[in-house]
Amino acid sequence: MFQFRQLLLLLLFSVTLVVTAYYARSHHLSSRVKGGEEAAGQQQRDNFSHFSGFNYYTLNQRGAPDLWLSALEVDVDHTRGYFELVRPDGINYGDTKRGPVRHRGERGTLNQKSNFLELYGRVKLSTSESVLYSSYGNYSMLEDKFFANGRVRTRTISPKSGDKILVNSDQVTMWPGKELSNFKGKVVGKIKRKRVYQPSMDFWADQIEVDLSKSLILLDSKVVIKRGTVKAYARRGEVYLDNYNKKLKYYYLYDDVKVVEQVTLDNGKTKQRRAYGERLDGVVSEEKIILTGYPKVFQEGDVIKGNKIVLRENSSVVEVDDATSKLFLKQ
């Protein structure tokens, strides 16, 4: 009987040791897992930061300012070098003659590693010559290239001619350092002369390129130009801003040119004149339009043809190459 009790007590003691050892090991493993999770969580938190009243700047290799950027709030991913910005406002100084480029928006992101900035909502980009507004924009600082879309509106002053160039479009790509802009999609624009008494020019196209370094505007696809009483249509066009007051061509139109003009006669009546050709040269200093490439003019019931036809703005006179006669609209 006594041996049986000893055996029973020994068995119970052994079971207790086994159970205790099991729970001790389980608790140790659980503590290790929990400790690892806490360490990982702490490391993850260390990779992210949040700031209010954020100011950030970088210097170039010469130690001069390169980028200055401020925001009301910012979340920083240190691992990716990624900034999420609220009300970003910044200046890229660059190293070109163009001077600084200022940019701002309602929200934005900055990839520090690639120097790539994205802006969202009420975007504004400004240089010494241009101001741009849109709903979205991105700026590659390494390429000095800015892209914008969504209700794009721009205002540019030509440094040479002083013309004010207003352009609206679906999207635009700008290279500020090159003074070059490429507009695409439902392009509508106006060229306002520095002197208010000089007529402005309106234009429409699918795509245009503005090169301020050359004082040149290139128009492509479904081109329309309107100046005074003259409205002209073509597939392509060019405007040379510096040639306004010179005895040179101010604008050209190419391919399937059509001109519609409202001409005021001496008696005060107005008549419509239509003209066609393959090329149009506009010399605004002399108020004349030169048509070549099998040109022809329709006025009243007459059809006028020649190698070259010259139309005077708001004049009933039609000049035909090598012709001694002049044709007048019927009174």
Foldseek 3Di string as FASTA:
>chain_A
DVVVVVVVVVVVVVVVVVVVVVVVVVVVVVVVVVVVVVVVVVVQVVQKDKDAFDWDWDADPVRHTAKIKTARMWMARNVQQKIKGAFIWMWGQDDAPQGIKIKTARIWMARPVQRKIKHAHQIWIDTPFKIKTAGIKMARSVQQKIKGAHFIWMWGAQPPQRKIKIKTAGMKMDRSRQQKMKGAHFIWMKIAGPDNVAWIKIKTARMWMQGSVQQKIKGAQFIWMDTDQKIKTAGIKMARSVQQQPQAFGMKGAHFMKMWGWAQDPVRDTFIKIKTAGMWTHRNNQQKIKHAHFMWIDADHDIDTARIWMDHHNAQWIDHPPDPDTDGHDD
